[in-house]
Amino acid sequence: LKKRIVPFYSASVTNIGSQMVAARSGYVPFWVDTFGTILDGSSA
């Protein structure tokens, strides 16, 4: 932020520990998205 760079932090909806780190670090949820599903044979 001192360098006028906007940081963002991402956490899976199932990763409660990571979400807690975000909250304790002064971050707030700003958007939610799905994984980018590419049907090329790489998806489980």
PDB file of all heavy atoms in Angstrom:
ATOM      1  N   LEU A   1       0.818  -1.209   0.000  1.00  0.00           N
ATOM      2  CA  LEU A   1       0.000   0.000   0.000  1.00  0.00           C
ATOM      3  C   LEU A   1       0.854   1.263   0.000  1.00  0.00           C
ATOM      4  O   LEU A   1       0.476   2.279  -0.583  1.00  0.00           O
ATOM      5  CB  LEU A   1      -0.949  -0.008   1.193  1.00  0.00           C
ATOM      6  CG  LEU A   1      -2.095  -1.026   1.128  1.00  0.00           C
ATOM      7  CD1 LEU A   1      -2.878  -1.031   2.434  1.00  0.00           C
ATOM      8  CD2 LEU A   1      -3.024  -0.731  -0.041  1.00  0.00           C
ATOM      9  N   LYS A   2       2.006   1.196   0.626  1.00  0.00           N
ATOM     10  CA  LYS A   2       2.928   2.347   0.601  1.00  0.00           C
ATOM     11  C   LYS A   2       3.359   2.659  -0.824  1.00  0.00           C
ATOM     12  O   LYS A   2       3.665   3.804  -1.160  1.00  0.00           O
ATOM     13  CB  LYS A   2       4.164   2.055   1.455  1.00  0.00           C
ATOM     14  CG  LYS A   2       3.910   2.039   2.950  1.00  0.00           C
ATOM     15  CD  LYS A   2       5.180   1.635   3.691  1.00  0.00           C
ATOM     16  CE  LYS A   2       4.944   1.499   5.180  1.00  0.00           C
ATOM     17  NZ  LYS A   2       6.171   1.019   5.892  1.00  0.00           N
ATOM     18  N   LYS A   3       3.394   1.632  -1.671  1.00  0.00           N
ATOM     19  CA  LYS A   3       3.798   1.792  -3.067  1.00  0.00           C
ATOM     20  C   LYS A   3       2.597   1.989  -3.991  1.00  0.00           C
ATOM     21  O   LYS A   3       2.734   1.909  -5.215  1.00  0.00           O
ATOM     22  CB  LYS A   3       4.597   0.559  -3.511  1.00  0.00           C
ATOM     23  CG  LYS A   3       5.905   0.358  -2.748  1.00  0.00           C
ATOM     24  CD  LYS A   3       6.598  -0.930  -3.195  1.00  0.00           C
ATOM     25  CE  LYS A   3       7.907  -1.150  -2.455  1.00  0.00           C
ATOM     26  NZ  LYS A   3       8.932  -0.154  -2.846  1.00  0.00           N
ATOM     27  N   ARG A   4       1.422   2.207  -3.418  1.00  0.00           N
ATOM     28  CA  ARG A   4       0.176   2.407  -4.176  1.00  0.00           C
ATOM     29  C   ARG A   4      -0.158   1.180  -5.017  1.00  0.00           C
ATOM     30  O   ARG A   4      -0.698   1.273  -6.119  1.00  0.00           O
ATOM     31  CB  ARG A   4       0.261   3.649  -5.056  1.00  0.00           C
ATOM     32  CG  ARG A   4       0.471   4.948  -4.299  1.00  0.00           C
ATOM     33  CD  ARG A   4      -0.783   5.406  -3.620  1.00  0.00           C
ATOM     34  NE  ARG A   4      -1.801   5.908  -4.545  1.00  0.00           N
ATOM     35  CZ  ARG A   4      -2.969   6.425  -4.164  1.00  0.00           C
ATOM     36  NH1 ARG A   4      -3.260   6.482  -2.860  1.00  0.00           N
ATOM     37  NH2 ARG A   4      -3.844   6.859  -5.045  1.00  0.00           N
ATOM     38  N   ILE A   5       0.153   0.010  -4.486  1.00  0.00           N
ATOM     39  CA  ILE A   5      -0.212  -1.256  -5.108  1.00  0.00           C
ATOM     40  C   ILE A   5      -1.408  -1.816  -4.343  1.00  0.00           C
ATOM     41  O   ILE A   5      -1.409  -1.822  -3.114  1.00  0.00           O
ATOM     42  CB  ILE A   5       0.960  -2.251  -5.070  1.00  0.00           C
ATOM     43  CG1 ILE A   5       2.115  -1.748  -5.944  1.00  0.00           C
ATOM     44  CG2 ILE A   5       0.515  -3.642  -5.528  1.00  0.00           C
ATOM     45  CD1 ILE A   5       3.400  -2.527  -5.762  1.00  0.00           C
ATOM     46  N   VAL A   6      -2.428  -2.268  -5.062  1.00  0.00           N
ATOM     47  CA  VAL A   6      -3.610  -2.848  -4.427  1.00  0.00           C
ATOM     48  C   VAL A   6      -3.386  -4.349  -4.250  1.00  0.00           C
ATOM     49  O   VAL A   6      -3.272  -5.083  -5.231  1.00  0.00           O
ATOM     50  CB  VAL A   6      -4.871  -2.627  -5.268  1.00  0.00           C
ATOM     51  CG1 VAL A   6      -6.092  -3.247  -4.568  1.00  0.00           C
ATOM     52  CG2 VAL A   6      -5.107  -1.148  -5.515  1.00  0.00           C
ATOM     53  N   PRO A   7      -3.308  -4.831  -3.016  1.00  0.00           N
ATOM     54  CA  PRO A   7      -3.184  -6.270  -2.800  1.00  0.00           C
ATOM     55  C   PRO A   7      -4.558  -6.918  -2.653  1.00  0.00           C
ATOM     56  O   PRO A   7      -5.491  -6.288  -2.161  1.00  0.00           O
ATOM     57  CB  PRO A   7      -2.413  -6.351  -1.480  1.00  0.00           C
ATOM     58  CG  PRO A   7      -2.815  -5.117  -0.736  1.00  0.00           C
ATOM     59  CD  PRO A   7      -3.193  -4.068  -1.759  1.00  0.00           C
ATOM     60  N   PHE A   8      -4.686  -8.141  -3.122  1.00  0.00           N
ATOM     61  CA  PHE A   8      -5.880  -8.912  -2.800  1.00  0.00           C
ATOM     62  C   PHE A   8      -5.465 -10.303  -2.365  1.00  0.00           C
ATOM     63  O   PHE A   8      -4.387 -10.785  -2.696  1.00  0.00           O
ATOM     64  CB  PHE A   8      -6.893  -8.937  -3.956  1.00  0.00           C
ATOM     65  CG  PHE A   8      -6.491  -9.759  -5.164  1.00  0.00           C
ATOM     66  CD1 PHE A   8      -6.900 -11.083  -5.307  1.00  0.00           C
ATOM     67  CD2 PHE A   8      -5.741  -9.189  -6.188  1.00  0.00           C
ATOM     68  CE1 PHE A   8      -6.563 -11.826  -6.425  1.00  0.00           C
ATOM     69  CE2 PHE A   8      -5.393  -9.926  -7.314  1.00  0.00           C
ATOM     70  CZ  PHE A   8      -5.803 -11.250  -7.438  1.00  0.00           C
ATOM     71  N   TYR A   9      -6.333 -10.919  -1.598  1.00  0.00           N
ATOM     72  CA  TYR A   9      -6.055 -12.201  -0.953  1.00  0.00           C
ATOM     73  C   TYR A   9      -7.193 -13.148  -1.306  1.00  0.00           C
ATOM     74  O   TYR A   9      -8.362 -12.754  -1.286  1.00  0.00           O
ATOM     75  CB  TYR A   9      -5.969 -11.985   0.554  1.00  0.00           C
ATOM     76  CG  TYR A   9      -5.665 -13.195   1.395  1.00  0.00           C
ATOM     77  CD1 TYR A   9      -4.374 -13.436   1.864  1.00  0.00           C
ATOM     78  CD2 TYR A   9      -6.664 -14.091   1.756  1.00  0.00           C
ATOM     79  CE1 TYR A   9      -4.098 -14.551   2.662  1.00  0.00           C
ATOM     80  CE2 TYR A   9      -6.394 -15.194   2.552  1.00  0.00           C
ATOM     81  CZ  TYR A   9      -5.113 -15.421   2.994  1.00  0.00           C
ATOM     82  OH  TYR A   9      -4.839 -16.523   3.780  1.00  0.00           O
ATOM     83  N   SER A  10      -6.874 -14.389  -1.654  1.00  0.00           N
ATOM     84  CA  SER A  10      -7.895 -15.334  -2.091  1.00  0.00           C
ATOM     85  C   SER A  10      -7.915 -16.561  -1.189  1.00  0.00           C
ATOM     86  O   SER A  10      -6.863 -17.053  -0.774  1.00  0.00           O
ATOM     87  CB  SER A  10      -7.633 -15.764  -3.537  1.00  0.00           C
ATOM     88  OG  SER A  10      -7.565 -14.641  -4.401  1.00  0.00           O
ATOM     89  N   ALA A  11      -9.136 -17.063  -0.917  1.00  0.00           N
ATOM     90  CA  ALA A  11      -9.290 -18.251  -0.078  1.00  0.00           C
ATOM     91  C   ALA A  11     -10.464 -19.073  -0.575  1.00  0.00           C
ATOM     92  O   ALA A  11     -11.524 -18.531  -0.904  1.00  0.00           O
ATOM     93  CB  ALA A  11      -9.516 -17.864   1.384  1.00  0.00           C
ATOM     94  N   SER A  12     -10.270 -20.374  -0.642  1.00  0.00           N
ATOM     95  CA  SER A  12     -11.371 -21.267  -0.988  1.00  0.00           C
ATOM     96  C   SER A  12     -12.468 -21.153   0.065  1.00  0.00           C
ATOM     97  O   SER A  12     -12.193 -20.908   1.248  1.00  0.00           O
ATOM     98  CB  SER A  12     -10.861 -22.709  -1.057  1.00  0.00           C
ATOM     99  OG  SER A  12     -11.944 -23.629  -1.065  1.00  0.00           O
ATOM    100  N   VAL A  13     -13.716 -21.353  -0.344  1.00  0.00           N
ATOM    101  CA  VAL A  13     -14.818 -21.284   0.615  1.00  0.00           C
ATOM    102  C   VAL A  13     -14.710 -22.392   1.663  1.00  0.00           C
ATOM    103  O   VAL A  13     -15.341 -22.309   2.723  1.00  0.00           O
ATOM    104  CB  VAL A  13     -16.189 -21.379  -0.095  1.00  0.00           C
ATOM    105  CG1 VAL A  13     -16.407 -20.187  -1.010  1.00  0.00           C
ATOM    106  CG2 VAL A  13     -16.318 -22.686  -0.875  1.00  0.00           C
ATOM    107  N   THR A  14     -13.909 -23.417   1.401  1.00  0.00           N
ATOM    108  CA  THR A  14     -13.751 -24.507   2.362  1.00  0.00           C
ATOM    109  C   THR A  14     -12.563 -24.316   3.293  1.00  0.00           C
ATOM    110  O   THR A  14     -12.387 -25.084   4.245  1.00  0.00           O
ATOM    111  CB  THR A  14     -13.574 -25.853   1.628  1.00  0.00           C
ATOM    112  OG1 THR A  14     -12.361 -25.815   0.848  1.00  0.00           O
ATOM    113  CG2 THR A  14     -14.748 -26.140   0.711  1.00  0.00           C
ATOM    114  N   ASN A  15     -11.737 -23.299   3.036  1.00  0.00           N
ATOM    115  CA  ASN A  15     -10.526 -23.095   3.830  1.00  0.00           C
ATOM    116  C   ASN A  15     -10.779 -22.044   4.915  1.00  0.00           C
ATOM    117  O   ASN A  15     -10.484 -20.861   4.738  1.00  0.00           O
ATOM    118  CB  ASN A  15      -9.356 -22.680   2.931  1.00  0.00           C
ATOM    119  CG  ASN A  15      -8.018 -22.763   3.635  1.00  0.00           C
ATOM    120  OD1 ASN A  15      -7.937 -22.710   4.859  1.00  0.00           O
ATOM    121  ND2 ASN A  15      -6.956 -22.891   2.863  1.00  0.00           N
ATOM    122  N   ILE A  16     -11.340 -22.480   6.016  1.00  0.00           N
ATOM    123  CA  ILE A  16     -11.706 -21.559   7.094  1.00  0.00           C
ATOM    124  C   ILE A  16     -10.469 -20.880   7.688  1.00  0.00           C
ATOM    125  O   ILE A  16     -10.489 -19.688   8.009  1.00  0.00           O
ATOM    126  CB  ILE A  16     -12.477 -22.293   8.202  1.00  0.00           C
ATOM    127  CG1 ILE A  16     -13.715 -22.988   7.620  1.00  0.00           C
ATOM    128  CG2 ILE A  16     -12.879 -21.327   9.312  1.00  0.00           C
ATOM    129  CD1 ILE A  16     -14.684 -22.063   6.948  1.00  0.00           C
ATOM    130  N   GLY A  17      -9.368 -21.624   7.839  1.00  0.00           N
ATOM    131  CA  GLY A  17      -8.148 -21.043   8.394  1.00  0.00           C
ATOM    132  C   GLY A  17      -7.645 -19.881   7.570  1.00  0.00           C
ATOM    133  O   GLY A  17      -7.262 -18.834   8.108  1.00  0.00           O
ATOM    134  N   SER A  18      -7.653 -20.038   6.246  1.00  0.00           N
ATOM    135  CA  SER A  18      -7.203 -18.960   5.367  1.00  0.00           C
ATOM    136  C   SER A  18      -8.139 -17.765   5.439  1.00  0.00           C
ATOM    137  O   SER A  18      -7.697 -16.609   5.425  1.00  0.00           O
ATOM    138  CB  SER A  18      -7.112 -19.476   3.924  1.00  0.00           C
ATOM    139  OG  SER A  18      -6.550 -18.504   3.073  1.00  0.00           O
ATOM    140  N   GLN A  19      -9.433 -18.022   5.540  1.00  0.00           N
ATOM    141  CA  GLN A  19     -10.397 -16.929   5.676  1.00  0.00           C
ATOM    142  C   GLN A  19     -10.166 -16.156   6.979  1.00  0.00           C
ATOM    143  O   GLN A  19     -10.303 -14.928   7.015  1.00  0.00           O
ATOM    144  CB  GLN A  19     -11.817 -17.487   5.631  1.00  0.00           C
ATOM    145  CG  GLN A  19     -12.206 -18.103   4.300  1.00  0.00           C
ATOM    146  CD  GLN A  19     -13.518 -18.840   4.367  1.00  0.00           C
ATOM    147  OE1 GLN A  19     -14.442 -18.434   5.072  1.00  0.00           O
ATOM    148  NE2 GLN A  19     -13.628 -19.945   3.653  1.00  0.00           N
ATOM    149  N   MET A  20      -9.800 -16.862   8.044  1.00  0.00           N
ATOM    150  CA  MET A  20      -9.527 -16.199   9.317  1.00  0.00           C
ATOM    151  C   MET A  20      -8.288 -15.317   9.221  1.00  0.00           C
ATOM    152  O   MET A  20      -8.246 -14.226   9.793  1.00  0.00           O
ATOM    153  CB  MET A  20      -9.365 -17.247  10.412  1.00  0.00           C
ATOM    154  CG  MET A  20     -10.660 -17.985  10.756  1.00  0.00           C
ATOM    155  SD  MET A  20     -10.431 -19.331  11.933  1.00  0.00           S
ATOM    156  CE  MET A  20      -9.949 -18.422  13.402  1.00  0.00           C
ATOM    157  N   VAL A  21      -7.279 -15.784   8.487  1.00  0.00           N
ATOM    158  CA  VAL A  21      -6.080 -14.960   8.274  1.00  0.00           C
ATOM    159  C   VAL A  21      -6.460 -13.668   7.562  1.00  0.00           C
ATOM    160  O   VAL A  21      -6.016 -12.572   7.928  1.00  0.00           O
ATOM    161  CB  VAL A  21      -5.016 -15.730   7.482  1.00  0.00           C
ATOM    162  CG1 VAL A  21      -3.885 -14.789   7.047  1.00  0.00           C
ATOM    163  CG2 VAL A  21      -4.440 -16.862   8.321  1.00  0.00           C
ATOM    164  N   ALA A  22      -7.300 -13.783   6.538  1.00  0.00           N
ATOM    165  CA  ALA A  22      -7.728 -12.592   5.796  1.00  0.00           C
ATOM    166  C   ALA A  22      -8.428 -11.603   6.724  1.00  0.00           C
ATOM    167  O   ALA A  22      -8.122 -10.399   6.716  1.00  0.00           O
ATOM    168  CB  ALA A  22      -8.657 -12.998   4.651  1.00  0.00           C
ATOM    169  N   ALA A  23      -9.354 -12.104   7.543  1.00  0.00           N
ATOM    170  CA  ALA A  23     -10.100 -11.221   8.443  1.00  0.00           C
ATOM    171  C   ALA A  23      -9.182 -10.559   9.462  1.00  0.00           C
ATOM    172  O   ALA A  23      -9.286  -9.355   9.736  1.00  0.00           O
ATOM    173  CB  ALA A  23     -11.200 -12.011   9.148  1.00  0.00           C
ATOM    174  N   ARG A  24      -8.269 -11.337  10.038  1.00  0.00           N
ATOM    175  CA  ARG A  24      -7.364 -10.793  11.043  1.00  0.00           C
ATOM    176  C   ARG A  24      -6.342  -9.832  10.441  1.00  0.00           C
ATOM    177  O   ARG A  24      -5.747  -9.031  11.158  1.00  0.00           O
ATOM    178  CB  ARG A  24      -6.646 -11.940  11.748  1.00  0.00           C
ATOM    179  CG  ARG A  24      -7.557 -12.785  12.631  1.00  0.00           C
ATOM    180  CD  ARG A  24      -6.860 -14.055  13.065  1.00  0.00           C
ATOM    181  NE  ARG A  24      -7.713 -14.869  13.936  1.00  0.00           N
ATOM    182  CZ  ARG A  24      -7.477 -16.134  14.234  1.00  0.00           C
ATOM    183  NH1 ARG A  24      -6.402 -16.748  13.730  1.00  0.00           N
ATOM    184  NH2 ARG A  24      -8.296 -16.807  15.019  1.00  0.00           N
ATOM    185  N   SER A  25      -6.150  -9.921   9.141  1.00  0.00           N
ATOM    186  CA  SER A  25      -5.177  -9.057   8.473  1.00  0.00           C
ATOM    187  C   SER A  25      -5.802  -7.754   7.990  1.00  0.00           C
ATOM    188  O   SER A  25      -5.152  -6.973   7.296  1.00  0.00           O
ATOM    189  CB  SER A  25      -4.550  -9.802   7.289  1.00  0.00           C
ATOM    190  OG  SER A  25      -3.881 -10.967   7.715  1.00  0.00           O
ATOM    191  N   GLY A  26      -7.071  -7.534   8.342  1.00  0.00           N
ATOM    192  CA  GLY A  26      -7.722  -6.288   7.952  1.00  0.00           C
ATOM    193  C   GLY A  26      -8.334  -6.322   6.568  1.00  0.00           C
ATOM    194  O   GLY A  26      -8.594  -5.273   5.969  1.00  0.00           O
ATOM    195  N   TYR A  27      -8.584  -7.530   6.054  1.00  0.00           N
ATOM    196  CA  TYR A  27      -9.187  -7.678   4.724  1.00  0.00           C
ATOM    197  C   TYR A  27     -10.685  -7.945   4.846  1.00  0.00           C
ATOM    198  O   TYR A  27     -11.145  -8.508   5.845  1.00  0.00           O
ATOM    199  CB  TYR A  27      -8.547  -8.850   3.979  1.00  0.00           C
ATOM    200  CG  TYR A  27      -7.209  -8.534   3.330  1.00  0.00           C
ATOM    201  CD1 TYR A  27      -6.083  -8.271   4.099  1.00  0.00           C
ATOM    202  CD2 TYR A  27      -7.077  -8.507   1.946  1.00  0.00           C
ATOM    203  CE1 TYR A  27      -4.859  -7.991   3.510  1.00  0.00           C
ATOM    204  CE2 TYR A  27      -5.862  -8.234   1.344  1.00  0.00           C
ATOM    205  CZ  TYR A  27      -4.753  -7.976   2.127  1.00  0.00           C
ATOM    206  OH  TYR A  27      -3.550  -7.698   1.544  1.00  0.00           O
ATOM    207  N   VAL A  28     -11.435  -7.565   3.810  1.00  0.00           N
ATOM    208  CA  VAL A  28     -12.874  -7.825   3.759  1.00  0.00           C
ATOM    209  C   VAL A  28     -13.197  -8.517   2.435  1.00  0.00           C
ATOM    210  O   VAL A  28     -12.543  -8.288   1.423  1.00  0.00           O
ATOM    211  CB  VAL A  28     -13.695  -6.522   3.876  1.00  0.00           C
ATOM    212  CG1 VAL A  28     -13.530  -5.914   5.263  1.00  0.00           C
ATOM    213  CG2 VAL A  28     -13.287  -5.518   2.797  1.00  0.00           C
ATOM    214  N   PRO A  29     -14.226  -9.392   2.428  1.00  0.00           N
ATOM    215  CA  PRO A  29     -14.618 -10.053   1.170  1.00  0.00           C
ATOM    216  C   PRO A  29     -15.075  -9.016   0.155  1.00  0.00           C
ATOM    217  O   PRO A  29     -15.805  -8.074   0.494  1.00  0.00           O
ATOM    218  CB  PRO A  29     -15.783 -10.953   1.600  1.00  0.00           C
ATOM    219  CG  PRO A  29     -15.664 -11.085   3.081  1.00  0.00           C
ATOM    220  CD  PRO A  29     -15.062  -9.808   3.564  1.00  0.00           C
ATOM    221  N   PHE A  30     -14.645  -9.188  -1.093  1.00  0.00           N
ATOM    222  CA  PHE A  30     -14.994  -8.196  -2.112  1.00  0.00           C
ATOM    223  C   PHE A  30     -15.651  -8.817  -3.336  1.00  0.00           C
ATOM    224  O   PHE A  30     -16.480  -8.194  -3.975  1.00  0.00           O
ATOM    225  CB  PHE A  30     -13.754  -7.403  -2.512  1.00  0.00           C
ATOM    226  CG  PHE A  30     -14.053  -6.022  -3.020  1.00  0.00           C
ATOM    227  CD1 PHE A  30     -14.749  -5.123  -2.238  1.00  0.00           C
ATOM    228  CD2 PHE A  30     -13.639  -5.613  -4.281  1.00  0.00           C
ATOM    229  CE1 PHE A  30     -15.039  -3.846  -2.699  1.00  0.00           C
ATOM    230  CE2 PHE A  30     -13.913  -4.340  -4.751  1.00  0.00           C
ATOM    231  CZ  PHE A  30     -14.612  -3.454  -3.959  1.00  0.00           C
ATOM    232  N   TRP A  31     -15.262 -10.034  -3.685  1.00  0.00           N
ATOM    233  CA  TRP A  31     -15.980 -10.754  -4.742  1.00  0.00           C
ATOM    234  C   TRP A  31     -15.787 -12.251  -4.568  1.00  0.00           C
ATOM    235  O   TRP A  31     -14.895 -12.699  -3.867  1.00  0.00           O
ATOM    236  CB  TRP A  31     -15.552 -10.303  -6.131  1.00  0.00           C
ATOM    237  CG  TRP A  31     -14.243 -10.820  -6.671  1.00  0.00           C
ATOM    238  CD1 TRP A  31     -14.060 -11.901  -7.502  1.00  0.00           C
ATOM    239  CD2 TRP A  31     -12.931 -10.254  -6.491  1.00  0.00           C
ATOM    240  NE1 TRP A  31     -12.727 -12.047  -7.827  1.00  0.00           N
ATOM    241  CE2 TRP A  31     -12.015 -11.039  -7.224  1.00  0.00           C
ATOM    242  CE3 TRP A  31     -12.447  -9.151  -5.769  1.00  0.00           C
ATOM    243  CZ2 TRP A  31     -10.656 -10.762  -7.247  1.00  0.00           C
ATOM    244  CZ3 TRP A  31     -11.090  -8.885  -5.798  1.00  0.00           C
ATOM    245  CH2 TRP A  31     -10.211  -9.684  -6.537  1.00  0.00           C
ATOM    246  N   VAL A  32     -16.689 -13.013  -5.186  1.00  0.00           N
ATOM    247  CA  VAL A  32     -16.633 -14.474  -5.167  1.00  0.00           C
ATOM    248  C   VAL A  32     -16.729 -14.953  -6.599  1.00  0.00           C
ATOM    249  O   VAL A  32     -17.520 -14.422  -7.394  1.00  0.00           O
ATOM    250  CB  VAL A  32     -17.789 -15.078  -4.332  1.00  0.00           C
ATOM    251  CG1 VAL A  32     -17.771 -16.605  -4.421  1.00  0.00           C
ATOM    252  CG2 VAL A  32     -17.702 -14.627  -2.887  1.00  0.00           C
ATOM    253  N   ASP A  33     -15.936 -15.949  -6.939  1.00  0.00           N
ATOM    254  CA  ASP A  33     -16.084 -16.549  -8.261  1.00  0.00           C
ATOM    255  C   ASP A  33     -15.892 -18.055  -8.186  1.00  0.00           C
ATOM    256  O   ASP A  33     -15.413 -18.591  -7.186  1.00  0.00           O
ATOM    257  CB  ASP A  33     -15.140 -15.915  -9.296  1.00  0.00           C
ATOM    258  CG  ASP A  33     -13.672 -15.998  -8.924  1.00  0.00           C
ATOM    259  OD1 ASP A  33     -13.294 -16.918  -8.168  1.00  0.00           O
ATOM    260  OD2 ASP A  33     -12.890 -15.146  -9.384  1.00  0.00           O
ATOM    261  N   THR A  34     -16.317 -18.719  -9.239  1.00  0.00           N
ATOM    262  CA  THR A  34     -16.110 -20.159  -9.341  1.00  0.00           C
ATOM    263  C   THR A  34     -14.736 -20.417  -9.939  1.00  0.00           C
ATOM    264  O   THR A  34     -14.108 -19.520 -10.519  1.00  0.00           O
ATOM    265  CB  THR A  34     -17.165 -20.806 -10.244  1.00  0.00           C
ATOM    266  OG1 THR A  34     -17.040 -20.278 -11.567  1.00  0.00           O
ATOM    267  CG2 THR A  34     -18.562 -20.543  -9.721  1.00  0.00           C
ATOM    268  N   PHE A  35     -14.258 -21.637  -9.800  1.00  0.00           N
ATOM    269  CA  PHE A  35     -13.049 -22.011 -10.515  1.00  0.00           C
ATOM    270  C   PHE A  35     -13.347 -21.896 -12.008  1.00  0.00           C
ATOM    271  O   PHE A  35     -14.464 -22.177 -12.450  1.00  0.00           O
ATOM    272  CB  PHE A  35     -12.637 -23.446 -10.205  1.00  0.00           C
ATOM    273  CG  PHE A  35     -12.263 -23.688  -8.759  1.00  0.00           C
ATOM    274  CD1 PHE A  35     -12.005 -24.967  -8.310  1.00  0.00           C
ATOM    275  CD2 PHE A  35     -12.166 -22.645  -7.855  1.00  0.00           C
ATOM    276  CE1 PHE A  35     -11.662 -25.210  -6.988  1.00  0.00           C
ATOM    277  CE2 PHE A  35     -11.830 -22.863  -6.520  1.00  0.00           C
ATOM    278  CZ  PHE A  35     -11.579 -24.160  -6.094  1.00  0.00           C
ATOM    279  N   GLY A  36     -12.362 -21.489 -12.779  1.00  0.00           N
ATOM    280  CA  GLY A  36     -12.533 -21.439 -14.228  1.00  0.00           C
ATOM    281  C   GLY A  36     -12.546 -22.858 -14.773  1.00  0.00           C
ATOM    282  O   GLY A  36     -11.521 -23.526 -14.819  1.00  0.00           O
ATOM    283  N   THR A  37     -13.718 -23.348 -15.165  1.00  0.00           N
ATOM    284  CA  THR A  37     -13.846 -24.717 -15.634  1.00  0.00           C
ATOM    285  C   THR A  37     -13.478 -24.788 -17.109  1.00  0.00           C
ATOM    286  O   THR A  37     -14.173 -24.231 -17.962  1.00  0.00           O
ATOM    287  CB  THR A  37     -15.283 -25.228 -15.434  1.00  0.00           C
ATOM    288  OG1 THR A  37     -15.646 -25.069 -14.069  1.00  0.00           O
ATOM    289  CG2 THR A  37     -15.391 -26.697 -15.817  1.00  0.00           C
ATOM    290  N   ILE A  38     -12.396 -25.474 -17.411  1.00  0.00           N
ATOM    291  CA  ILE A  38     -11.960 -25.674 -18.792  1.00  0.00           C
ATOM    292  C   ILE A  38     -12.064 -27.159 -19.090  1.00  0.00           C
ATOM    293  O   ILE A  38     -11.376 -27.976 -18.484  1.00  0.00           O
ATOM    294  CB  ILE A  38     -10.516 -25.191 -19.013  1.00  0.00           C
ATOM    295  CG1 ILE A  38     -10.393 -23.710 -18.629  1.00  0.00           C
ATOM    296  CG2 ILE A  38     -10.093 -25.401 -20.470  1.00  0.00           C
ATOM    297  CD1 ILE A  38      -8.982 -23.189 -18.673  1.00  0.00           C
ATOM    298  N   LEU A  39     -12.921 -27.519 -20.015  1.00  0.00           N
ATOM    299  CA  LEU A  39     -13.191 -28.927 -20.280  1.00  0.00           C
ATOM    300  C   LEU A  39     -12.211 -29.469 -21.313  1.00  0.00           C
ATOM    301  O   LEU A  39     -12.554 -29.772 -22.448  1.00  0.00           O
ATOM    302  CB  LEU A  39     -14.636 -29.086 -20.753  1.00  0.00           C
ATOM    303  CG  LEU A  39     -15.669 -28.466 -19.802  1.00  0.00           C
ATOM    304  CD1 LEU A  39     -17.064 -28.590 -20.369  1.00  0.00           C
ATOM    305  CD2 LEU A  39     -15.579 -29.103 -18.438  1.00  0.00           C
ATOM    306  N   ASP A  40     -10.945 -29.566 -20.900  1.00  0.00           N
ATOM    307  CA  ASP A  40      -9.892 -30.017 -21.809  1.00  0.00           C
ATOM    308  C   ASP A  40      -9.266 -31.330 -21.363  1.00  0.00           C
ATOM    309  O   ASP A  40      -8.216 -31.732 -21.847  1.00  0.00           O
ATOM    310  CB  ASP A  40      -8.801 -28.951 -21.917  1.00  0.00           C
ATOM    311  CG  ASP A  40      -8.135 -28.663 -20.576  1.00  0.00           C
ATOM    312  OD1 ASP A  40      -8.591 -29.213 -19.551  1.00  0.00           O
ATOM    313  OD2 ASP A  40      -7.172 -27.882 -20.550  1.00  0.00           O
ATOM    314  N   GLY A  41      -9.889 -31.998 -20.403  1.00  0.00           N
ATOM    315  CA  GLY A  41      -9.358 -33.252 -19.901  1.00  0.00           C
ATOM    316  C   GLY A  41      -8.550 -33.110 -18.631  1.00  0.00           C
ATOM    317  O   GLY A  41      -8.146 -34.111 -18.043  1.00  0.00           O
ATOM    318  N   SER A  42      -8.315 -31.877 -18.170  1.00  0.00           N
ATOM    319  CA  SER A  42      -7.475 -31.673 -16.994  1.00  0.00           C
ATOM    320  C   SER A  42      -8.280 -31.645 -15.695  1.00  0.00           C
ATOM    321  O   SER A  42      -7.714 -31.722 -14.615  1.00  0.00           O
ATOM    322  CB  SER A  42      -6.692 -30.359 -17.120  1.00  0.00           C
ATOM    323  OG  SER A  42      -7.572 -29.250 -17.179  1.00  0.00           O
ATOM    324  N   SER A  43      -9.590 -31.520 -15.790  1.00  0.00           N
ATOM    325  CA  SER A  43     -10.421 -31.425 -14.606  1.00  0.00           C
ATOM    326  C   SER A  43     -10.738 -32.799 -14.045  1.00  0.00           C
ATOM    327  O   SER A  43     -11.001 -33.752 -14.787  1.00  0.00           O
ATOM    328  CB  SER A  43     -11.729 -30.693 -14.938  1.00  0.00           C
ATOM    329  OG  SER A  43     -12.670 -30.872 -13.898  1.00  0.00           O
ATOM    330  N   ALA A  44     -10.759 -32.886 -12.726  1.00  0.00           N
ATOM    331  CA  ALA A  44     -11.135 -34.140 -12.073  1.00  0.00           C
ATOM    332  C   ALA A  44     -12.595 -34.479 -12.324  1.00  0.00           C
ATOM    333  O   ALA A  44     -13.022 -35.613 -12.103  1.00  0.00           O
ATOM    334  CB  ALA A  44     -10.883 -34.033 -10.578  1.00  0.00           C
TER     335      ALA A  44
END
